[in-house]
Protein backbone atom coordinates (compact mmCIF):
# COMPACT_ATOMS: atom_id res chain seq x y z
CA MET A 1 -4.81 5.79 -6.24
CA ARG A 2 -5.49 7.14 -2.79
CA PRO A 3 -4.31 5.35 0.34
CA VAL A 4 -6.65 2.68 1.70
CA PRO A 5 -8.65 4.06 4.67
CA ALA A 6 -7.59 3.00 8.11
CA PRO A 7 -9.38 -0.09 9.46
CA GLU A 8 -12.36 0.38 11.73
CA PRO A 9 -11.33 0.93 15.37
CA SER A 10 -11.21 -2.13 17.54
CA PRO A 11 -14.03 -2.50 20.08
CA ALA A 12 -13.13 -0.56 23.18
CA LEU A 13 -14.63 0.39 26.50
CA SER A 14 -15.93 3.89 27.08
CA ARG A 15 -13.97 6.06 29.50
CA ARG A 16 -16.67 5.55 32.12
CA ALA A 17 -16.65 1.79 31.60
CA LEU A 18 -12.87 1.76 31.94
CA LEU A 19 -13.11 3.42 35.31
CA ILE A 20 -15.74 0.94 36.44
CA ALA A 21 -13.63 -1.98 35.24
CA GLY A 22 -10.60 -0.57 37.01
CA THR A 23 -12.13 -0.06 40.44
CA LEU A 24 -13.21 -3.55 41.38
CA ALA A 25 -13.39 -4.32 45.07
CA ALA A 26 -9.97 -4.37 46.66
CA ALA A 27 -10.94 -7.51 48.52
CA ALA A 28 -11.09 -9.59 45.33
CA PRO A 29 -8.60 -12.49 45.44
CA LEU A 30 -5.33 -11.88 43.65
CA GLY A 31 -5.30 -15.22 41.86
CA LEU A 32 -8.30 -14.48 39.63
CA VAL A 33 -8.97 -16.90 36.77
CA GLY A 34 -7.04 -15.70 33.73
CA CYS A 35 -4.70 -13.39 35.64
CA ALA A 36 -1.00 -14.05 35.92
CA PRO A 37 -0.21 -15.22 39.48
CA ALA A 38 1.36 -12.74 41.85
CA PRO A 39 5.10 -13.27 42.29
CA THR A 40 6.55 -14.38 45.57
CA THR A 41 8.99 -12.12 47.37
CA ALA A 42 11.79 -14.50 46.44
CA ASP A 43 10.95 -14.10 42.73
CA ALA A 44 10.88 -10.31 42.85
CA SER A 45 13.82 -7.95 42.50
CA PRO A 46 14.27 -5.08 44.98
CA ALA A 47 12.76 -1.76 43.92
CA GLY A 48 14.85 -0.02 41.29
CA GLU A 49 17.00 -3.09 40.58
CA GLY A 50 15.53 -4.38 37.36
CA ALA A 51 12.67 -6.76 36.59
CA ALA A 52 10.00 -6.93 39.25
CA ALA A 53 8.74 -10.40 38.40
CA PRO A 54 8.52 -12.93 35.56
CA GLY A 55 5.26 -12.94 33.63
CA ALA A 56 4.60 -9.25 34.13
CA VAL A 57 4.76 -6.04 32.16
CA ARG A 58 7.41 -4.06 34.00
CA PHE A 59 7.88 -0.31 34.22
CA SER A 60 10.99 1.49 35.42
CA THR A 61 9.70 4.71 36.97
CA THR A 62 11.58 7.74 38.28
CA GLY A 63 8.89 10.08 39.61
CA ALA A 64 7.07 10.54 42.88
CA THR A 65 3.88 9.17 41.27
CA PHE A 66 2.93 6.76 38.51
CA SER A 67 -0.45 7.03 36.76
CA PRO A 68 -0.70 4.67 33.78
CA VAL A 69 -3.97 4.07 31.94
CA VAL A 70 -4.90 0.65 30.57
CA GLU A 71 -7.79 -0.04 28.23
CA LEU A 72 -9.28 -3.52 28.30
CA ALA A 73 -11.39 -5.19 25.63
CA THR A 74 -15.13 -4.63 25.71
CA GLY A 75 -16.76 -6.96 28.23
CA SER A 76 -13.53 -7.90 29.98
CA SER A 77 -13.82 -8.45 33.73
CA ALA A 78 -10.08 -8.86 34.22
CA GLU A 79 -8.46 -7.36 37.31
CA VAL A 80 -5.38 -5.19 36.82
CA VAL A 81 -2.95 -5.50 39.72
CA TRP A 82 0.12 -3.31 40.28
CA GLN A 83 3.01 -4.41 42.50
CA ASP A 84 6.33 -2.97 43.56
CA GLY A 85 9.74 -4.61 43.27
CA SER A 86 9.27 -6.57 46.49
CA GLY A 87 5.96 -8.07 45.36
CA ALA A 88 3.83 -5.80 47.54
CA GLU A 89 0.57 -4.64 46.01
CA LEU A 90 0.48 -0.94 45.13
CA ALA A 91 -2.91 -0.58 43.48
CA ARG A 92 -5.64 -2.21 41.42
CA GLY A 93 -7.50 -0.89 38.42
CA THR A 94 -7.05 0.36 34.88
CA SER A 95 -6.17 3.95 35.82
CA PRO A 96 -4.42 3.97 39.21
CA THR A 97 -2.49 6.83 40.74
CA ILE A 98 0.38 5.25 42.62
CA THR A 99 2.05 7.65 45.05
CA PHE A 100 5.55 6.91 46.28
CA GLY A 101 6.12 10.06 48.31
CA SER A 102 9.33 11.09 46.56
CA ALA A 103 11.04 10.81 43.22
CA GLY A 104 13.38 7.86 42.69
CA ALA A 105 14.13 4.83 40.57
CA ARG A 106 11.57 2.07 41.10
CA THR A 107 10.14 -0.96 39.34
CA VAL A 108 6.37 -1.44 39.03
CA ALA A 109 4.89 -4.68 37.70
CA MET A 110 1.48 -5.03 36.06
CA PHE A 111 -0.50 -8.30 36.18
CA THR A 112 -3.79 -8.91 34.39
CA GLU A 113 -5.43 -10.99 31.68
CA PHE A 114 -2.82 -9.75 29.19
CA ALA A 115 -4.77 -10.78 26.09
CA ASP A 116 -7.50 -8.31 27.10
CA VAL A 117 -5.23 -5.24 27.02
CA LEU A 118 -5.89 -3.02 23.99
CA THR A 119 -4.17 0.21 25.02
CA LEU A 120 -1.26 1.14 27.27
CA ASN A 121 -1.15 4.90 27.80
CA LEU A 122 1.84 6.50 29.52
CA GLY A 123 1.42 9.91 27.91
CA PHE A 124 -0.28 11.40 24.86
CA SER A 125 -1.47 14.67 23.31
CA ALA A 126 -3.57 14.75 20.17
CA GLU A 127 -1.82 18.03 19.27
CA ASP A 128 1.62 16.40 19.03
CA ASP A 129 2.48 15.88 15.36
CA ALA A 130 -1.15 15.42 14.34
CA GLY A 131 -2.08 13.82 11.05
CA ARG A 132 -4.83 12.01 9.21
CA TYR A 133 -4.56 8.89 11.35
CA SER A 134 -3.97 10.57 14.71
CA LEU A 135 -5.88 9.44 17.77
CA GLU A 136 -8.44 11.83 19.18
CA ALA A 137 -8.05 14.10 22.19
CA THR A 138 -10.06 11.64 24.30
CA TRP A 139 -6.76 9.77 24.66
CA ASP A 140 -4.91 12.81 26.03
CA LYS A 141 -2.93 12.09 29.18
CA ALA A 142 -0.07 13.83 30.99
CA PRO A 143 3.25 11.97 30.52
CA ASP A 144 4.46 9.66 33.25
CA ALA A 145 8.00 9.62 34.59
CA VAL A 146 8.84 6.25 33.09
CA ALA A 147 12.25 5.30 31.73
CA GLU A 148 11.73 1.77 30.44
CA VAL A 149 9.01 -0.78 29.70
CA ALA A 150 9.65 -4.52 29.46
CA GLY A 151 7.41 -7.50 28.79
CA LEU A 152 5.33 -5.91 26.04
CA SER A 153 5.28 -9.24 24.19
CA LEU A 154 2.71 -10.42 26.74
CA LEU A 155 0.17 -7.92 25.36
CA VAL A 156 -0.68 -10.04 22.34
CA ASN A 157 -3.74 -7.98 21.35
CA LEU A 158 -2.29 -4.54 22.04
CA ARG A 159 -3.60 -1.92 19.58
CA ARG A 160 -2.19 1.31 20.97
CA PHE A 161 1.07 2.11 22.78
CA LEU A 162 1.21 5.74 23.89
CA ALA A 163 4.28 7.26 25.55
CA GLY A 164 4.57 10.80 24.20
CA ARG A 165 6.92 13.24 25.96
CA THR A 166 8.03 10.61 28.46
CA GLU A 167 11.63 9.79 29.41
CA LEU A 168 11.14 6.37 27.86
CA GLY A 169 14.44 5.11 26.47
CA GLY A 170 16.17 1.88 25.53
CA THR A 171 14.60 -0.56 23.08
CA LEU A 172 10.88 -0.90 22.48
CA ASP A 173 10.33 -4.57 21.74
CA PHE A 174 7.01 -5.00 19.95
CA ALA A 175 8.04 -8.23 18.20
CA GLY A 176 5.06 -10.48 17.53
CA LEU A 177 2.36 -7.91 18.35
CA ALA A 178 0.33 -8.57 15.21
CA GLN A 179 -2.60 -6.36 16.26
CA LEU A 180 -0.57 -3.23 17.07
CA GLU A 181 -1.83 -0.17 15.16
CA HIS A 182 -0.51 2.99 16.86
CA VAL A 183 2.91 3.73 18.36
CA GLU A 184 3.02 7.26 19.79
CA CYS A 185 6.40 8.22 21.24
CA TYR A 186 6.67 11.90 20.33
CA ARG A 187 9.73 13.45 22.01
CA ALA A 188 10.56 10.42 24.11
CA LYS A 189 14.08 8.98 24.31
CA VAL A 190 13.64 5.68 22.50
CA GLU A 191 16.93 4.31 21.15
CA ALA A 192 15.71 1.35 19.11
CA ILE A 193 12.46 -0.35 18.10
CA ASP A 194 11.70 -3.91 17.01
CA LEU A 195 8.60 -4.17 14.80
CA THR A 196 9.05 -7.78 13.71
CA GLY A 197 5.65 -9.34 13.08
CA CYS A 198 3.78 -6.03 13.51
CA ALA A 199 1.84 -6.22 10.27
CA SER A 200 -1.04 -3.95 11.36
CA VAL A 201 0.80 -0.74 12.30
CA ILE A 202 -0.93 2.33 10.86
CA ARG A 203 0.87 5.24 12.52
CA LEU A 204 4.42 5.28 13.83
CA CYS A 205 5.35 8.50 15.64
CA LEU A 206 8.98 8.50 16.77
CA GLU A 207 9.71 12.19 16.27
CA GLU A 208 12.72 13.58 18.15
CA ASN A 209 13.87 10.41 19.89
CA ARG A 210 17.32 8.80 19.98
CA LEU A 211 17.00 6.38 17.08
CA ARG A 212 19.96 5.74 14.83
CA SER A 213 18.35 3.14 12.56
CA LEU A 214 14.87 2.02 11.59
CA ASP A 215 13.60 -1.06 9.73
CA LEU A 216 10.19 -0.48 8.13
CA ASN A 217 10.01 -3.83 6.32
CA PRO A 218 7.74 -5.48 8.93
CA VAL A 219 5.17 -2.68 8.59
CA ALA A 220 5.56 -1.89 4.89
CA GLY A 221 2.15 -3.24 3.93
CA SER A 222 0.12 -1.43 6.61
CA LEU A 223 1.94 1.79 7.56
CA ARG A 224 0.11 4.98 6.58
CA ASP A 225 1.93 7.60 8.62
CA LEU A 226 5.63 7.76 9.53
CA ARG A 227 7.00 10.56 11.72
CA ALA A 228 10.66 10.02 12.55
CA ALA A 229 12.20 13.49 12.19
CA GLY A 230 14.90 15.18 14.22
CA GLN A 231 16.59 12.29 16.02
CA GLU A 232 18.91 13.45 18.79
CA ALA A 233 22.06 12.07 17.14
CA GLY A 234 21.32 14.06 13.98
CA SER A 235 21.12 11.06 11.67
CA LEU A 236 18.85 8.13 10.82
CA GLU A 237 19.60 5.06 8.70
CA PHE A 238 16.80 3.08 7.07
CA ALA A 239 17.18 -0.62 6.38
CA PRO A 240 16.84 -1.37 2.64
CA LEU A 241 13.20 -1.94 1.76
CA THR A 242 12.26 -5.24 0.16
CA LYS A 243 8.77 -4.06 -0.83
CA PRO A 244 6.98 -0.73 -1.25
CA LEU A 245 5.41 1.24 1.56
CA ALA A 246 2.13 0.41 -0.10
CA GLN A 247 -0.24 2.62 1.90
CA LEU A 248 2.05 5.32 3.27
CA TYR A 249 0.64 8.82 2.78
CA HIS A 250 3.00 10.79 5.09
CA PHE A 251 6.79 10.37 5.28
CA CYS A 252 8.57 12.87 7.54
CA VAL A 253 12.27 12.55 8.40
CA ARG A 254 13.29 16.23 8.31
CA ASP A 255 16.28 17.90 9.98
CA GLN A 256 18.78 15.03 10.13
CA VAL A 257 21.13 13.20 7.79
CA VAL A 258 19.17 10.32 6.28
CA THR A 259 20.77 7.26 4.72
CA GLY A 260 18.77 4.60 2.93
CA HIS A 261 16.04 7.06 1.93
CA PRO A 262 13.32 5.10 0.08
CA GLU A 263 13.42 5.31 -3.70
CA ALA A 264 10.45 6.65 -5.64
CA ALA A 265 9.15 3.15 -6.39
CA MET A 266 8.88 2.49 -2.66
CA LEU A 267 6.56 5.48 -2.14
CA PRO A 268 3.72 4.67 -4.58
CA VAL A 269 0.91 6.61 -2.86
CA CYS A 270 2.89 9.08 -0.74
CA GLU A 271 1.12 12.45 -0.55
CA GLU A 272 3.27 14.28 1.98
CA LEU A 273 7.02 13.92 1.62
CA TRP A 274 8.74 16.09 4.23
CA THR A 275 12.49 15.66 3.94
CA TRP A 276 14.03 19.10 4.29
CA ASN A 277 17.61 19.35 5.54
CA CYS A 278 18.32 15.62 5.21
CA GLY A 279 21.65 15.61 3.35
CA GLN A 280 20.14 14.17 0.15
CA SER A 281 21.61 14.57 -3.34
CA ASP A 282 21.35 13.59 -7.01
CA VAL A 283 17.88 12.70 -8.40
CA PHE A 284 14.87 13.67 -6.31
CA PRO A 285 12.80 10.54 -5.35
CA THR A 286 9.39 11.53 -6.70
CA PRO A 287 6.51 10.34 -4.48
CA GLY A 288 3.58 8.57 -6.10
CA TYR A 289 0.70 10.91 -5.26
CA ALA A 290 2.19 14.22 -4.23
CA HIS A 291 0.21 16.90 -2.42
CA SER A 292 2.86 18.43 -0.15
CA VAL A 293 6.55 18.01 -1.02
CA LEU A 294 8.88 19.87 1.33
CA ALA A 295 12.49 19.03 0.54
CA ALA A 296 14.44 22.29 0.91
CA ASP A 297 18.08 22.45 1.99
CA ASN A 298 19.28 19.29 0.32
CA GLY A 299 21.56 18.73 -2.67
CA TYR A 300 19.21 17.40 -5.33
CA THR A 301 20.35 18.16 -8.88
CA THR A 302 17.35 17.03 -10.96
CA ALA A 303 13.64 16.46 -10.35
CA ASP A 304 10.97 15.09 -12.67
CA LEU A 305 7.52 15.62 -11.13
CA THR A 306 5.51 15.05 -14.30
CA GLY A 307 1.84 14.40 -13.60
CA GLN A 308 2.09 14.54 -9.81
CA TRP A 309 -0.39 17.32 -9.04
CA THR A 310 -3.30 16.44 -11.31
CA TYR A 311 -6.13 16.00 -8.80
CA GLU A 312 -9.03 18.43 -8.60
CA GLY A 313 -9.08 20.92 -5.71
CA GLY A 314 -6.55 21.15 -2.92
CA TRP A 315 -3.54 23.40 -2.62
CA GLY A 316 -0.51 21.55 -3.88
CA THR A 317 2.85 22.63 -2.46
CA LEU A 318 6.40 22.04 -3.72
CA ASP A 319 9.44 23.40 -1.87
CA LEU A 320 12.88 22.58 -3.27
CA THR A 321 14.55 25.78 -2.10
CA ARG A 322 18.32 25.73 -1.64
CA ASN A 323 19.08 22.56 -3.53
CA ARG A 324 21.41 22.31 -6.56
CA LEU A 325 18.79 21.84 -9.25
CA THR A 326 19.93 22.34 -12.80
CA ALA A 327 16.78 20.78 -14.27
CA ILE A 328 13.19 20.35 -13.10
CA THR A 329 10.12 19.10 -14.93
CA LEU A 330 6.62 20.13 -13.81
CA THR A 331 4.62 18.92 -16.80
CA ASP A 332 0.86 18.92 -16.11
CA CYS A 333 1.23 19.63 -12.36
CA ARG A 334 -1.74 21.96 -12.63
CA SER A 335 -2.91 21.51 -9.03
CA LEU A 336 0.31 23.07 -7.75
CA GLN A 337 -0.34 26.47 -6.24
CA THR A 338 2.83 27.05 -4.21
CA ILE A 339 6.16 26.43 -5.98
CA ARG A 340 9.42 27.40 -4.27
CA LEU A 341 12.57 26.82 -6.31
CA GLY A 342 14.72 29.70 -5.10
CA ASP A 343 18.49 29.46 -4.66
CA ASN A 344 19.09 26.59 -7.05
CA ALA A 345 21.27 26.41 -10.18
CA LEU A 346 18.63 26.76 -12.89
CA ASP A 347 19.92 28.49 -16.01
CA GLN A 348 17.84 30.92 -18.05
CA ALA A 349 16.36 28.24 -20.30
CA ALA A 350 15.31 26.16 -17.28
CA VAL A 351 13.73 29.21 -15.60
CA ASP A 352 11.87 30.09 -18.80
CA ARG A 353 10.54 26.51 -19.07
CA VAL A 354 9.14 26.62 -15.55
CA LEU A 355 7.45 29.98 -16.18
CA ALA A 356 5.98 28.80 -19.48
CA GLU A 357 4.73 25.54 -17.98
CA VAL A 358 3.02 27.17 -15.00
CA ALA A 359 1.51 29.94 -17.14
CA GLY A 360 0.18 27.27 -19.49
CA TRP A 361 -1.97 25.76 -16.75
CA ARG A 362 -4.03 28.95 -16.71
CA THR A 363 -4.83 28.39 -13.05
CA PRO A 364 -4.89 30.75 -10.07
CA GLY A 365 -2.12 30.30 -7.56
CA PHE A 366 -0.28 31.68 -4.59
CA GLU A 367 3.47 31.72 -5.09
CA LEU A 368 6.17 30.91 -7.63
CA VAL A 369 9.73 31.54 -6.42
CA LEU A 370 12.66 31.38 -8.88
CA ASP A 371 14.99 33.97 -7.36
CA GLY A 372 18.32 33.78 -5.55
CA SER A 373 21.10 31.92 -7.32
CA ASN A 374 18.97 30.95 -10.32
CA ALA A 375 19.43 32.80 -13.62
CA ALA A 376 17.16 35.69 -14.56
CA PRO A 377 14.48 34.89 -17.18
CA SER A 378 14.52 36.06 -20.76
CA ASP A 379 12.01 38.56 -22.13
CA ALA A 380 9.71 35.65 -22.98
CA GLY A 381 10.01 34.36 -19.44
CA ARG A 382 9.16 37.76 -18.02
CA ARG A 383 6.02 37.87 -20.19
CA HIS A 384 4.92 34.54 -18.70
CA ALA A 385 5.62 35.94 -15.24
CA ALA A 386 3.42 38.96 -15.98
CA GLU A 387 0.65 36.64 -17.15
CA LEU A 388 0.87 34.72 -13.86
CA ARG A 389 0.78 37.89 -11.80
CA GLY A 390 -2.40 38.78 -13.62
CA ARG A 391 -3.93 35.60 -12.18
CA LYS A 392 -2.87 36.59 -8.64
CA TRP A 393 0.34 34.57 -8.51
CA LYS A 394 3.15 36.16 -6.52
CA VAL A 395 6.20 35.60 -8.73
CA SER A 396 9.78 36.15 -7.47
CA LEU A 397 12.59 36.19 -10.04
CA ALA A 398 16.32 36.72 -10.05
CA THR A 399 17.42 40.06 -11.48
CA PRO A 400 19.73 40.27 -14.54
């Protein structure tokens, strides 16, 4: 089965409407109905010394300016008020540019009708780690110099949290945000994330952060796209899964040592399994609906991919280069067109079986690599290789 399509986007204001909503008259009273009350000076912490006020979403900024973008629900008339650590108003609106005059550590507090906030955008590019469920370029925004965000639990209807390429670190606490769908923190500095109660998350982009562990159980039923490769510490540990990642099509954790890698049964509809250079061994965990499997530079010894590439059309890809394979089964994987198995430990009989299987599909293809530390084929294997070359396959074999 194919993954269930993403739910229809939540109602949202147009860009023009956002600007209108965010530029209400500055003379409007601060204590608007539905808005959190402004803190008193006694309640506020000095700039750069922690939380600005209770009942606020708080940002620790380090730059000379701060330009967040907030999207409110369609029809919302809520004011968005921004204050500094002393309680002084800095700006109003959904897309302010707050100028401090110089770089430095500061705290900025946001007050509004929190239930109306659908998106908090601190930085995003649609070109960063794009996939099937990526947001469009209309969300693109230069990253802010922000080091921490607190009080996210107030944003009970938040759909999108965007903080790509920011300096955002520490823990992202999304606990209880049942409407959250997109977390975009590409190349930030996030150290931990709490997804408890986040049963609507579709895409989780945490590529090249500072995570050491990740628990996907809260999002197992909704997650379609996981991008958590290349953590700064060089390793990532997954909490044991108690149920399958039922709708996950893309699983990327490349270029780090991974512990707790999901078993095959936990990846029932996974199409893109990108796990190269992850320190894995033993039996390869076959995904449930493979299109692109990139798992080079591991230590897998056996792989049974029977019936994985059986769909019509598409260019199936398998890369298990530089593993320790002594056996591999590709029965009926006739939609595979790129097969890279070089530098494994396949003996002559195993190499001959692969050549015979692929030749038996009688399909055109691009590449079949069986060279390097694998054994050379027999005469029968070489005849199958010649047959494949006749159908435009590029075949690379070890020499006797």
